[in-house]
Amino acid sequence: MLLYYLDLAGVAVFAASGVLAARDRGLDLLGVVVVAAITAVGGGTLRDLLLNRHPIFWIADTSYLLVVVASALLTFAYARTRRPLGVTLLVADAFGLALFSLSGAQLAEAAQCPPLIVVLMGTMTGVTGGILRDVITAQVPLILRREIYATAAIAGVTAYLGMHALGMPRGWAFAAGTTVVVTLRLLAIRWGLHLPRLRKS
C-alpha cells in the first residue's frame, strides 16, 4: 500500500515538472496536460512493457490519470499567477526521479529480477518520463547534459538494494535510497557536479 501511494506521489511530482517545462512553450491547457501525462506515466509504461506487466498500471488503475490531471491543473493555475523560481523544475524533477526510480526498482524486485536488472528498471522508470518531456518541449534532455542525473538514480537504487540486503527494513531502505537520489541531484544542481568527460586529444 505504501508503494502505491509513493507511486502516486511520483506521478504527481513528475506531472508538475511537465507543466513547468511546458509553461514557456506557448501550449494551451490541453497541450500542457498532455505533456504532464507523458512525463508522469512514460517511465512506468516502459517499465511495465519490459516486465510484461499487463494491463499497464495507468490502464488498470485510472487513479493515476486523475492524479496527473489534478496535479497538472493545480500547477498550471499556480504557474499562471506566479512565476516559479528558476530551480523549481529541477527540484520537482529531482523528487520525481527519486520516487519513480525506487518504486520501479521495487516492482522489478517483485517480478524476481536479478539485482542488475532491478537497477536498470529503476533507473529507466525514473529517467524516461523526463526524457520524453524534454524532447516534446524542445529541450536537451537532462540525461544528455553534463549534470548528474541517471547516475543519481543508479546510486539511489543501488543504495536501496545494498541497505536492504544488509538487513535494513524495506521502508527505511526505500527512504535512504530516495534521499541519495535527491541529495545527489540537488548537489549537482547547486554546485554543478558532473561525471568526468572524455576530452578531445
N, C-alpha and C. Protein backbone atom coordinates (compact mmCIF):
# COMPACT_ATOMS: atom_id res chain seq x y z
N MET A 1 0.83 -1.21 0.00
CA MET A 1 0.00 0.00 0.00
C MET A 1 0.87 1.26 0.00
N LEU A 2 1.96 1.23 0.80
CA LEU A 2 2.86 2.39 0.83
C LEU A 2 3.46 2.63 -0.55
N LEU A 3 3.86 1.54 -1.23
CA LEU A 3 4.44 1.67 -2.57
C LEU A 3 3.44 2.33 -3.52
N TYR A 4 2.19 1.98 -3.39
CA TYR A 4 1.14 2.54 -4.25
C TYR A 4 1.05 4.06 -4.07
N TYR A 5 1.02 4.51 -2.83
CA TYR A 5 0.90 5.94 -2.57
C TYR A 5 2.17 6.69 -2.98
N LEU A 6 3.32 6.05 -2.82
CA LEU A 6 4.56 6.68 -3.27
C LEU A 6 4.58 6.79 -4.79
N ASP A 7 4.03 5.78 -5.45
CA ASP A 7 3.95 5.81 -6.90
C ASP A 7 3.04 6.96 -7.35
N LEU A 8 1.91 7.14 -6.66
CA LEU A 8 1.01 8.25 -6.97
C LEU A 8 1.71 9.60 -6.74
N ALA A 9 2.50 9.66 -5.66
CA ALA A 9 3.24 10.90 -5.38
C ALA A 9 4.23 11.19 -6.50
N GLY A 10 4.92 10.14 -6.97
CA GLY A 10 5.86 10.33 -8.07
C GLY A 10 5.17 10.81 -9.33
N VAL A 11 4.00 10.26 -9.61
CA VAL A 11 3.21 10.68 -10.77
C VAL A 11 2.84 12.16 -10.65
N ALA A 12 2.40 12.58 -9.46
CA ALA A 12 2.01 13.96 -9.24
C ALA A 12 3.18 14.91 -9.43
N VAL A 13 4.33 14.55 -8.88
CA VAL A 13 5.51 15.42 -8.97
C VAL A 13 6.01 15.52 -10.41
N PHE A 14 6.05 14.39 -11.11
CA PHE A 14 6.51 14.43 -12.50
C PHE A 14 5.52 15.17 -13.39
N ALA A 15 4.22 15.04 -13.10
CA ALA A 15 3.23 15.80 -13.87
C ALA A 15 3.46 17.30 -13.68
N ALA A 16 3.74 17.70 -12.44
CA ALA A 16 4.03 19.11 -12.16
C ALA A 16 5.27 19.58 -12.91
N SER A 17 6.30 18.72 -12.96
CA SER A 17 7.51 19.11 -13.67
C SER A 17 7.24 19.24 -15.16
N GLY A 18 6.31 18.42 -15.69
CA GLY A 18 5.94 18.54 -17.10
C GLY A 18 5.27 19.86 -17.39
N VAL A 19 4.40 20.31 -16.50
CA VAL A 19 3.74 21.60 -16.66
C VAL A 19 4.76 22.73 -16.62
N LEU A 20 5.67 22.68 -15.67
CA LEU A 20 6.67 23.74 -15.54
C LEU A 20 7.59 23.80 -16.75
N ALA A 21 7.89 22.62 -17.32
CA ALA A 21 8.73 22.59 -18.52
C ALA A 21 8.01 23.17 -19.73
N ALA A 22 6.68 23.03 -19.75
CA ALA A 22 5.90 23.48 -20.91
C ALA A 22 5.39 24.91 -20.79
N ARG A 23 5.62 25.57 -19.66
CA ARG A 23 4.98 26.85 -19.39
C ARG A 23 5.39 27.96 -20.37
N ASP A 24 6.60 27.91 -20.90
CA ASP A 24 7.05 28.96 -21.82
C ASP A 24 7.06 28.49 -23.27
N ARG A 25 6.32 27.42 -23.57
CA ARG A 25 6.31 26.87 -24.92
C ARG A 25 5.06 27.23 -25.71
N GLY A 26 4.23 28.10 -25.15
CA GLY A 26 3.05 28.56 -25.86
C GLY A 26 1.95 27.53 -26.02
N LEU A 27 1.92 26.52 -25.15
CA LEU A 27 0.90 25.48 -25.25
C LEU A 27 -0.38 25.91 -24.54
N ASP A 28 -1.52 25.41 -25.04
CA ASP A 28 -2.77 25.68 -24.33
C ASP A 28 -2.92 24.66 -23.21
N LEU A 29 -4.05 24.75 -22.49
CA LEU A 29 -4.25 23.89 -21.33
C LEU A 29 -4.19 22.41 -21.68
N LEU A 30 -4.82 22.03 -22.80
CA LEU A 30 -4.80 20.63 -23.21
C LEU A 30 -3.38 20.17 -23.51
N GLY A 31 -2.63 21.00 -24.22
CA GLY A 31 -1.26 20.64 -24.54
C GLY A 31 -0.41 20.46 -23.30
N VAL A 32 -0.62 21.33 -22.31
CA VAL A 32 0.13 21.23 -21.06
C VAL A 32 -0.21 19.93 -20.32
N VAL A 33 -1.50 19.57 -20.31
CA VAL A 33 -1.91 18.33 -19.63
C VAL A 33 -1.32 17.11 -20.34
N VAL A 34 -1.27 17.16 -21.68
CA VAL A 34 -0.67 16.05 -22.43
C VAL A 34 0.80 15.90 -22.08
N VAL A 35 1.54 17.01 -22.03
CA VAL A 35 2.96 16.94 -21.65
C VAL A 35 3.10 16.40 -20.24
N ALA A 36 2.25 16.87 -19.33
CA ALA A 36 2.29 16.40 -17.95
C ALA A 36 2.04 14.89 -17.88
N ALA A 37 1.06 14.40 -18.66
CA ALA A 37 0.73 12.98 -18.63
C ALA A 37 1.87 12.13 -19.17
N ILE A 38 2.45 12.57 -20.29
CA ILE A 38 3.56 11.81 -20.87
C ILE A 38 4.75 11.77 -19.91
N THR A 39 5.01 12.89 -19.25
CA THR A 39 6.10 12.95 -18.28
C THR A 39 5.83 12.01 -17.11
N ALA A 40 4.58 12.00 -16.66
CA ALA A 40 4.24 11.25 -15.45
C ALA A 40 4.18 9.75 -15.66
N VAL A 41 3.69 9.30 -16.81
CA VAL A 41 3.47 7.86 -16.99
C VAL A 41 4.43 7.22 -17.98
N GLY A 42 5.28 8.01 -18.64
CA GLY A 42 6.17 7.46 -19.65
C GLY A 42 7.12 6.41 -19.12
N GLY A 43 7.78 6.71 -18.00
CA GLY A 43 8.73 5.76 -17.44
C GLY A 43 8.07 4.48 -16.95
N GLY A 44 6.94 4.63 -16.26
CA GLY A 44 6.24 3.46 -15.75
C GLY A 44 5.67 2.60 -16.86
N THR A 45 5.25 3.25 -17.96
CA THR A 45 4.73 2.49 -19.10
C THR A 45 5.82 1.62 -19.72
N LEU A 46 7.00 2.20 -19.93
CA LEU A 46 8.12 1.43 -20.47
C LEU A 46 8.50 0.30 -19.53
N ARG A 47 8.52 0.58 -18.23
CA ARG A 47 8.83 -0.46 -17.24
C ARG A 47 7.85 -1.62 -17.32
N ASP A 48 6.56 -1.30 -17.38
CA ASP A 48 5.55 -2.35 -17.42
C ASP A 48 5.65 -3.18 -18.69
N LEU A 49 5.94 -2.53 -19.81
CA LEU A 49 6.09 -3.25 -21.07
C LEU A 49 7.27 -4.22 -21.00
N LEU A 50 8.39 -3.76 -20.46
CA LEU A 50 9.58 -4.61 -20.39
C LEU A 50 9.42 -5.75 -19.38
N LEU A 51 8.68 -5.48 -18.31
CA LEU A 51 8.44 -6.52 -17.30
C LEU A 51 7.22 -7.37 -17.64
N ASN A 52 6.60 -7.09 -18.77
CA ASN A 52 5.42 -7.83 -19.21
C ASN A 52 4.29 -7.77 -18.18
N ARG A 53 4.10 -6.57 -17.60
CA ARG A 53 3.02 -6.36 -16.64
C ARG A 53 1.82 -5.81 -17.38
N HIS A 54 0.77 -6.60 -17.45
CA HIS A 54 -0.43 -6.18 -18.17
C HIS A 54 -1.65 -6.38 -17.28
N PRO A 55 -2.64 -5.46 -17.39
CA PRO A 55 -2.59 -4.21 -18.17
C PRO A 55 -1.61 -3.22 -17.55
N ILE A 56 -1.16 -2.27 -18.35
CA ILE A 56 -0.24 -1.24 -17.88
C ILE A 56 -0.89 -0.47 -16.73
N PHE A 57 -0.06 -0.03 -15.78
CA PHE A 57 -0.54 0.45 -14.49
C PHE A 57 -1.63 1.52 -14.59
N TRP A 58 -1.50 2.47 -15.51
CA TRP A 58 -2.49 3.55 -15.55
C TRP A 58 -3.76 3.13 -16.28
N ILE A 59 -3.71 2.01 -17.00
CA ILE A 59 -4.93 1.45 -17.59
C ILE A 59 -5.67 0.63 -16.55
N ALA A 60 -4.91 -0.10 -15.73
CA ALA A 60 -5.52 -0.93 -14.69
C ALA A 60 -6.12 -0.08 -13.58
N ASP A 61 -5.53 1.08 -13.31
CA ASP A 61 -5.98 1.94 -12.21
C ASP A 61 -6.02 3.38 -12.70
N THR A 62 -7.21 3.87 -12.99
CA THR A 62 -7.34 5.22 -13.54
C THR A 62 -7.06 6.31 -12.50
N SER A 63 -6.82 5.92 -11.24
CA SER A 63 -6.45 6.91 -10.23
C SER A 63 -5.18 7.65 -10.65
N TYR A 64 -4.30 6.96 -11.36
CA TYR A 64 -3.07 7.60 -11.82
C TYR A 64 -3.39 8.76 -12.76
N LEU A 65 -4.31 8.55 -13.68
CA LEU A 65 -4.66 9.61 -14.61
C LEU A 65 -5.35 10.77 -13.91
N LEU A 66 -6.17 10.44 -12.91
CA LEU A 66 -6.83 11.50 -12.14
C LEU A 66 -5.81 12.34 -11.40
N VAL A 67 -4.79 11.69 -10.84
CA VAL A 67 -3.72 12.41 -10.14
C VAL A 67 -2.94 13.28 -11.12
N VAL A 68 -2.68 12.75 -12.30
CA VAL A 68 -1.96 13.52 -13.33
C VAL A 68 -2.73 14.79 -13.68
N VAL A 69 -4.01 14.64 -13.96
CA VAL A 69 -4.82 15.79 -14.35
C VAL A 69 -4.92 16.81 -13.21
N ALA A 70 -5.15 16.32 -11.99
CA ALA A 70 -5.27 17.22 -10.85
C ALA A 70 -3.96 17.98 -10.62
N SER A 71 -2.84 17.26 -10.65
CA SER A 71 -1.54 17.91 -10.45
C SER A 71 -1.25 18.91 -11.56
N ALA A 72 -1.58 18.53 -12.80
CA ALA A 72 -1.33 19.43 -13.93
C ALA A 72 -2.16 20.70 -13.83
N LEU A 73 -3.43 20.56 -13.47
CA LEU A 73 -4.29 21.74 -13.37
C LEU A 73 -3.86 22.67 -12.24
N LEU A 74 -3.51 22.09 -11.10
CA LEU A 74 -3.07 22.90 -9.97
C LEU A 74 -1.77 23.63 -10.29
N THR A 75 -0.84 22.91 -10.92
CA THR A 75 0.43 23.54 -11.28
C THR A 75 0.24 24.59 -12.36
N PHE A 76 -0.66 24.31 -13.31
CA PHE A 76 -0.97 25.26 -14.36
C PHE A 76 -1.52 26.56 -13.77
N ALA A 77 -2.46 26.42 -12.82
CA ALA A 77 -3.05 27.60 -12.18
C ALA A 77 -1.99 28.38 -11.41
N TYR A 78 -1.11 27.66 -10.72
CA TYR A 78 -0.05 28.33 -9.96
C TYR A 78 0.91 29.06 -10.90
N ALA A 79 1.29 28.39 -11.99
CA ALA A 79 2.27 28.98 -12.91
C ALA A 79 1.71 30.20 -13.63
N ARG A 80 0.38 30.28 -13.77
CA ARG A 80 -0.23 31.44 -14.43
C ARG A 80 -0.30 32.66 -13.51
N THR A 81 -0.35 32.41 -12.21
CA THR A 81 -0.48 33.52 -11.26
C THR A 81 0.86 33.93 -10.66
N ARG A 82 1.77 33.00 -10.59
CA ARG A 82 3.10 33.29 -10.02
C ARG A 82 4.16 32.68 -10.90
N ARG A 83 5.26 33.35 -11.00
CA ARG A 83 6.37 32.82 -11.80
C ARG A 83 7.25 31.97 -10.90
N PRO A 84 7.32 30.64 -11.15
CA PRO A 84 8.15 29.78 -10.32
C PRO A 84 9.61 30.19 -10.38
N LEU A 85 10.33 29.92 -9.33
CA LEU A 85 11.77 30.18 -9.31
C LEU A 85 12.45 29.31 -10.37
N GLY A 86 13.59 29.75 -10.83
CA GLY A 86 14.28 29.05 -11.90
C GLY A 86 14.61 27.60 -11.59
N VAL A 87 14.81 27.28 -10.31
CA VAL A 87 15.20 25.92 -9.95
C VAL A 87 14.00 25.04 -9.60
N THR A 88 12.79 25.60 -9.67
CA THR A 88 11.61 24.84 -9.25
C THR A 88 11.46 23.56 -10.07
N LEU A 89 11.63 23.66 -11.39
CA LEU A 89 11.51 22.50 -12.25
C LEU A 89 12.54 21.44 -11.88
N LEU A 90 13.77 21.87 -11.65
CA LEU A 90 14.83 20.91 -11.34
C LEU A 90 14.61 20.23 -10.01
N VAL A 91 14.11 20.97 -9.02
CA VAL A 91 13.83 20.38 -7.71
C VAL A 91 12.67 19.39 -7.81
N ALA A 92 11.60 19.79 -8.51
CA ALA A 92 10.46 18.88 -8.71
C ALA A 92 10.91 17.63 -9.45
N ASP A 93 11.74 17.81 -10.44
CA ASP A 93 12.25 16.68 -11.21
C ASP A 93 13.10 15.76 -10.34
N ALA A 94 13.86 16.32 -9.42
CA ALA A 94 14.70 15.51 -8.54
C ALA A 94 13.85 14.58 -7.67
N PHE A 95 12.77 15.11 -7.11
CA PHE A 95 11.90 14.29 -6.29
C PHE A 95 11.15 13.25 -7.13
N GLY A 96 10.72 13.65 -8.33
CA GLY A 96 10.07 12.69 -9.22
C GLY A 96 11.01 11.57 -9.62
N LEU A 97 12.24 11.94 -9.94
CA LEU A 97 13.26 10.95 -10.29
C LEU A 97 13.46 9.96 -9.17
N ALA A 98 13.56 10.46 -7.95
CA ALA A 98 13.79 9.59 -6.79
C ALA A 98 12.62 8.64 -6.56
N LEU A 99 11.42 9.17 -6.52
CA LEU A 99 10.25 8.34 -6.23
C LEU A 99 10.03 7.30 -7.32
N PHE A 100 10.17 7.69 -8.58
CA PHE A 100 9.95 6.74 -9.66
C PHE A 100 11.04 5.69 -9.73
N SER A 101 12.28 6.08 -9.51
CA SER A 101 13.38 5.12 -9.57
C SER A 101 13.23 4.04 -8.51
N LEU A 102 12.90 4.46 -7.30
CA LEU A 102 12.79 3.49 -6.21
C LEU A 102 11.53 2.63 -6.33
N SER A 103 10.42 3.23 -6.75
CA SER A 103 9.20 2.44 -6.92
C SER A 103 9.37 1.46 -8.08
N GLY A 104 10.04 1.90 -9.15
CA GLY A 104 10.31 1.00 -10.27
C GLY A 104 11.20 -0.16 -9.86
N ALA A 105 12.18 0.13 -9.01
CA ALA A 105 13.06 -0.92 -8.52
C ALA A 105 12.29 -1.94 -7.70
N GLN A 106 11.37 -1.47 -6.88
CA GLN A 106 10.60 -2.40 -6.06
C GLN A 106 9.69 -3.28 -6.90
N LEU A 107 9.13 -2.74 -7.96
CA LEU A 107 8.30 -3.55 -8.84
C LEU A 107 9.14 -4.59 -9.57
N ALA A 108 10.36 -4.22 -9.96
CA ALA A 108 11.26 -5.19 -10.59
C ALA A 108 11.65 -6.28 -9.60
N GLU A 109 11.84 -5.89 -8.34
CA GLU A 109 12.11 -6.88 -7.30
C GLU A 109 10.95 -7.85 -7.16
N ALA A 110 9.73 -7.30 -7.17
CA ALA A 110 8.55 -8.14 -7.03
C ALA A 110 8.43 -9.12 -8.19
N ALA A 111 8.97 -8.75 -9.35
CA ALA A 111 8.98 -9.64 -10.51
C ALA A 111 10.15 -10.61 -10.47
N GLN A 112 10.90 -10.61 -9.34
CA GLN A 112 12.03 -11.52 -9.11
C GLN A 112 13.15 -11.32 -10.12
N CYS A 113 13.39 -10.08 -10.49
CA CYS A 113 14.51 -9.76 -11.37
C CYS A 113 15.81 -9.77 -10.58
N PRO A 114 16.94 -10.12 -11.20
CA PRO A 114 18.23 -10.04 -10.51
C PRO A 114 18.59 -8.59 -10.21
N PRO A 115 19.51 -8.37 -9.27
CA PRO A 115 19.84 -7.00 -8.85
C PRO A 115 20.21 -6.05 -9.98
N LEU A 116 20.98 -6.50 -10.95
CA LEU A 116 21.38 -5.62 -12.05
C LEU A 116 20.16 -5.13 -12.83
N ILE A 117 19.21 -6.02 -13.07
CA ILE A 117 18.00 -5.64 -13.79
C ILE A 117 17.14 -4.73 -12.94
N VAL A 118 17.14 -4.95 -11.63
CA VAL A 118 16.40 -4.06 -10.72
C VAL A 118 16.94 -2.64 -10.84
N VAL A 119 18.26 -2.50 -10.86
CA VAL A 119 18.87 -1.17 -11.00
C VAL A 119 18.50 -0.55 -12.34
N LEU A 120 18.59 -1.34 -13.40
CA LEU A 120 18.26 -0.82 -14.73
C LEU A 120 16.80 -0.42 -14.84
N MET A 121 15.91 -1.26 -14.31
CA MET A 121 14.48 -0.95 -14.38
C MET A 121 14.14 0.28 -13.55
N GLY A 122 14.74 0.38 -12.37
CA GLY A 122 14.51 1.55 -11.54
C GLY A 122 14.98 2.83 -12.22
N THR A 123 16.18 2.77 -12.79
CA THR A 123 16.72 3.95 -13.48
C THR A 123 15.87 4.32 -14.69
N MET A 124 15.49 3.31 -15.46
CA MET A 124 14.67 3.54 -16.65
C MET A 124 13.33 4.17 -16.28
N THR A 125 12.73 3.66 -15.21
CA THR A 125 11.46 4.23 -14.76
C THR A 125 11.62 5.69 -14.38
N GLY A 126 12.75 6.01 -13.76
CA GLY A 126 12.97 7.37 -13.30
C GLY A 126 13.28 8.37 -14.40
N VAL A 127 14.02 7.95 -15.42
CA VAL A 127 14.52 8.93 -16.39
C VAL A 127 13.68 9.05 -17.66
N THR A 128 12.89 8.03 -18.00
CA THR A 128 12.20 8.04 -19.29
C THR A 128 11.19 9.18 -19.41
N GLY A 129 10.40 9.41 -18.37
CA GLY A 129 9.41 10.48 -18.42
C GLY A 129 10.05 11.83 -18.65
N GLY A 130 11.18 12.09 -17.96
CA GLY A 130 11.88 13.35 -18.13
C GLY A 130 12.46 13.50 -19.53
N ILE A 131 12.94 12.39 -20.10
CA ILE A 131 13.47 12.44 -21.47
C ILE A 131 12.36 12.82 -22.44
N LEU A 132 11.20 12.15 -22.32
CA LEU A 132 10.07 12.45 -23.21
C LEU A 132 9.61 13.90 -23.04
N ARG A 133 9.55 14.36 -21.79
CA ARG A 133 9.15 15.75 -21.51
C ARG A 133 10.08 16.74 -22.21
N ASP A 134 11.38 16.51 -22.07
CA ASP A 134 12.34 17.45 -22.64
C ASP A 134 12.32 17.42 -24.17
N VAL A 135 12.15 16.23 -24.75
CA VAL A 135 12.10 16.13 -26.20
C VAL A 135 10.87 16.86 -26.74
N ILE A 136 9.72 16.65 -26.10
CA ILE A 136 8.47 17.27 -26.56
C ILE A 136 8.53 18.78 -26.44
N THR A 137 9.18 19.28 -25.39
CA THR A 137 9.27 20.73 -25.18
C THR A 137 10.53 21.33 -25.81
N ALA A 138 11.17 20.55 -26.69
CA ALA A 138 12.32 21.03 -27.48
C ALA A 138 13.48 21.49 -26.61
N GLN A 139 13.81 20.68 -25.61
CA GLN A 139 14.96 20.96 -24.76
C GLN A 139 15.91 19.77 -24.80
N VAL A 140 17.17 20.03 -24.54
CA VAL A 140 18.13 18.93 -24.46
C VAL A 140 17.81 18.13 -23.20
N PRO A 141 17.53 16.82 -23.32
CA PRO A 141 17.18 16.03 -22.14
C PRO A 141 18.25 16.12 -21.05
N LEU A 142 17.79 16.19 -19.81
CA LEU A 142 18.73 16.29 -18.69
C LEU A 142 19.73 15.15 -18.68
N ILE A 143 19.29 13.96 -19.11
CA ILE A 143 20.17 12.80 -19.08
C ILE A 143 21.35 12.95 -20.04
N LEU A 144 21.21 13.83 -21.06
CA LEU A 144 22.28 14.03 -22.03
C LEU A 144 23.18 15.21 -21.67
N ARG A 145 22.82 15.95 -20.64
CA ARG A 145 23.66 17.07 -20.22
C ARG A 145 24.75 16.56 -19.29
N ARG A 146 25.63 17.44 -18.91
CA ARG A 146 26.75 17.02 -18.07
C ARG A 146 26.35 16.81 -16.61
N GLU A 147 25.16 17.23 -16.26
CA GLU A 147 24.73 17.10 -14.88
C GLU A 147 24.57 15.62 -14.48
N ILE A 148 24.71 15.37 -13.18
CA ILE A 148 24.44 14.04 -12.64
C ILE A 148 22.94 13.84 -12.63
N TYR A 149 22.46 12.87 -13.38
CA TYR A 149 21.02 12.62 -13.46
C TYR A 149 20.74 11.12 -13.35
N ALA A 150 20.97 10.38 -14.44
CA ALA A 150 20.78 8.93 -14.36
C ALA A 150 21.71 8.33 -13.32
N THR A 151 22.88 8.92 -13.16
CA THR A 151 23.83 8.43 -12.15
C THR A 151 23.24 8.50 -10.76
N ALA A 152 22.46 9.55 -10.48
CA ALA A 152 21.81 9.68 -9.17
C ALA A 152 20.81 8.57 -8.96
N ALA A 153 20.06 8.23 -10.01
CA ALA A 153 19.08 7.14 -9.91
C ALA A 153 19.78 5.81 -9.67
N ILE A 154 20.86 5.57 -10.41
CA ILE A 154 21.62 4.32 -10.23
C ILE A 154 22.15 4.22 -8.81
N ALA A 155 22.71 5.32 -8.30
CA ALA A 155 23.26 5.32 -6.94
C ALA A 155 22.17 5.08 -5.90
N GLY A 156 21.00 5.72 -6.09
CA GLY A 156 19.92 5.56 -5.12
C GLY A 156 19.36 4.15 -5.08
N VAL A 157 19.15 3.56 -6.25
CA VAL A 157 18.63 2.18 -6.30
C VAL A 157 19.67 1.21 -5.74
N THR A 158 20.92 1.44 -6.07
CA THR A 158 21.99 0.57 -5.54
C THR A 158 22.06 0.67 -4.03
N ALA A 159 21.94 1.89 -3.50
CA ALA A 159 21.95 2.07 -2.04
C ALA A 159 20.76 1.36 -1.41
N TYR A 160 19.61 1.46 -2.03
CA TYR A 160 18.42 0.77 -1.52
C TYR A 160 18.64 -0.73 -1.46
N LEU A 161 19.15 -1.32 -2.55
CA LEU A 161 19.37 -2.76 -2.58
C LEU A 161 20.41 -3.17 -1.55
N GLY A 162 21.50 -2.38 -1.45
CA GLY A 162 22.56 -2.71 -0.50
C GLY A 162 22.09 -2.65 0.94
N MET A 163 21.36 -1.62 1.29
CA MET A 163 20.89 -1.48 2.67
C MET A 163 19.86 -2.54 3.02
N HIS A 164 18.99 -2.86 2.06
CA HIS A 164 18.01 -3.91 2.33
C HIS A 164 18.69 -5.26 2.48
N ALA A 165 19.73 -5.52 1.66
CA ALA A 165 20.47 -6.77 1.76
C ALA A 165 21.19 -6.89 3.10
N LEU A 166 21.56 -5.76 3.69
CA LEU A 166 22.25 -5.76 4.99
C LEU A 166 21.29 -5.86 6.17
N GLY A 167 20.00 -5.98 5.88
CA GLY A 167 19.03 -6.18 6.95
C GLY A 167 18.17 -4.98 7.30
N MET A 168 18.38 -3.86 6.63
CA MET A 168 17.54 -2.69 6.92
C MET A 168 16.12 -2.96 6.41
N PRO A 169 15.09 -2.62 7.20
CA PRO A 169 13.72 -2.79 6.73
C PRO A 169 13.50 -2.11 5.38
N ARG A 170 12.65 -2.71 4.57
CA ARG A 170 12.45 -2.23 3.20
C ARG A 170 12.04 -0.75 3.16
N GLY A 171 11.15 -0.35 4.07
CA GLY A 171 10.69 1.03 4.08
C GLY A 171 11.81 2.02 4.36
N TRP A 172 12.67 1.67 5.32
CA TRP A 172 13.80 2.54 5.64
C TRP A 172 14.81 2.55 4.50
N ALA A 173 15.02 1.39 3.88
CA ALA A 173 15.94 1.33 2.75
C ALA A 173 15.42 2.16 1.58
N PHE A 174 14.10 2.13 1.38
CA PHE A 174 13.47 2.96 0.34
C PHE A 174 13.72 4.44 0.62
N ALA A 175 13.50 4.84 1.87
CA ALA A 175 13.71 6.24 2.25
C ALA A 175 15.17 6.65 2.06
N ALA A 176 16.09 5.74 2.41
CA ALA A 176 17.51 6.04 2.26
C ALA A 176 17.88 6.18 0.79
N GLY A 177 17.38 5.28 -0.04
CA GLY A 177 17.67 5.35 -1.47
C GLY A 177 17.11 6.62 -2.09
N THR A 178 15.90 6.99 -1.68
CA THR A 178 15.29 8.23 -2.16
C THR A 178 16.13 9.44 -1.76
N THR A 179 16.62 9.43 -0.53
CA THR A 179 17.46 10.53 -0.05
C THR A 179 18.74 10.65 -0.86
N VAL A 180 19.32 9.50 -1.22
CA VAL A 180 20.55 9.51 -2.02
C VAL A 180 20.29 10.17 -3.37
N VAL A 181 19.19 9.79 -4.03
CA VAL A 181 18.89 10.35 -5.35
C VAL A 181 18.68 11.87 -5.25
N VAL A 182 17.82 12.28 -4.33
CA VAL A 182 17.51 13.71 -4.21
C VAL A 182 18.75 14.51 -3.83
N THR A 183 19.52 13.99 -2.89
CA THR A 183 20.73 14.70 -2.44
C THR A 183 21.72 14.88 -3.58
N LEU A 184 21.98 13.82 -4.33
CA LEU A 184 22.91 13.92 -5.44
C LEU A 184 22.44 14.91 -6.50
N ARG A 185 21.13 14.87 -6.80
CA ARG A 185 20.61 15.79 -7.81
C ARG A 185 20.70 17.24 -7.34
N LEU A 186 20.33 17.49 -6.09
CA LEU A 186 20.36 18.86 -5.59
C LEU A 186 21.79 19.38 -5.47
N LEU A 187 22.71 18.51 -5.07
CA LEU A 187 24.12 18.92 -5.01
C LEU A 187 24.64 19.21 -6.41
N ALA A 188 24.22 18.38 -7.38
CA ALA A 188 24.65 18.61 -8.76
C ALA A 188 24.11 19.93 -9.28
N ILE A 189 22.85 20.24 -8.92
CA ILE A 189 22.25 21.50 -9.35
C ILE A 189 22.95 22.69 -8.70
N ARG A 190 23.21 22.56 -7.39
CA ARG A 190 23.77 23.68 -6.63
C ARG A 190 25.24 23.93 -6.98
N TRP A 191 26.01 22.86 -7.11
CA TRP A 191 27.45 23.02 -7.28
C TRP A 191 27.94 22.67 -8.68
N GLY A 192 27.02 22.32 -9.58
CA GLY A 192 27.43 21.99 -10.95
C GLY A 192 28.26 20.73 -11.04
N LEU A 193 27.96 19.74 -10.18
CA LEU A 193 28.71 18.50 -10.19
C LEU A 193 28.39 17.69 -11.43
N HIS A 194 29.38 16.99 -11.95
CA HIS A 194 29.16 16.15 -13.12
C HIS A 194 30.25 15.09 -13.17
N LEU A 195 30.00 14.05 -13.95
CA LEU A 195 30.99 13.00 -14.12
C LEU A 195 32.09 13.48 -15.06
N PRO A 196 33.29 12.86 -14.96
CA PRO A 196 34.36 13.23 -15.89
C PRO A 196 33.92 12.94 -17.32
N ARG A 197 34.38 13.75 -18.26
CA ARG A 197 34.03 13.51 -19.65
C ARG A 197 35.29 13.24 -20.46
N LEU A 198 35.09 12.60 -21.59
CA LEU A 198 36.20 12.29 -22.48
C LEU A 198 36.64 13.56 -23.18
N ARG A 199 37.88 13.92 -23.00
CA ARG A 199 38.39 15.12 -23.62
C ARG A 199 38.98 14.83 -25.00
N LYS A 200 38.87 15.81 -25.87
CA LYS A 200 39.48 15.66 -27.20
C LYS A 200 40.98 15.72 -27.06
N SER A 201 41.64 14.93 -27.87
CA SER A 201 43.11 14.93 -27.81
C SER A 201 43.67 16.16 -28.48
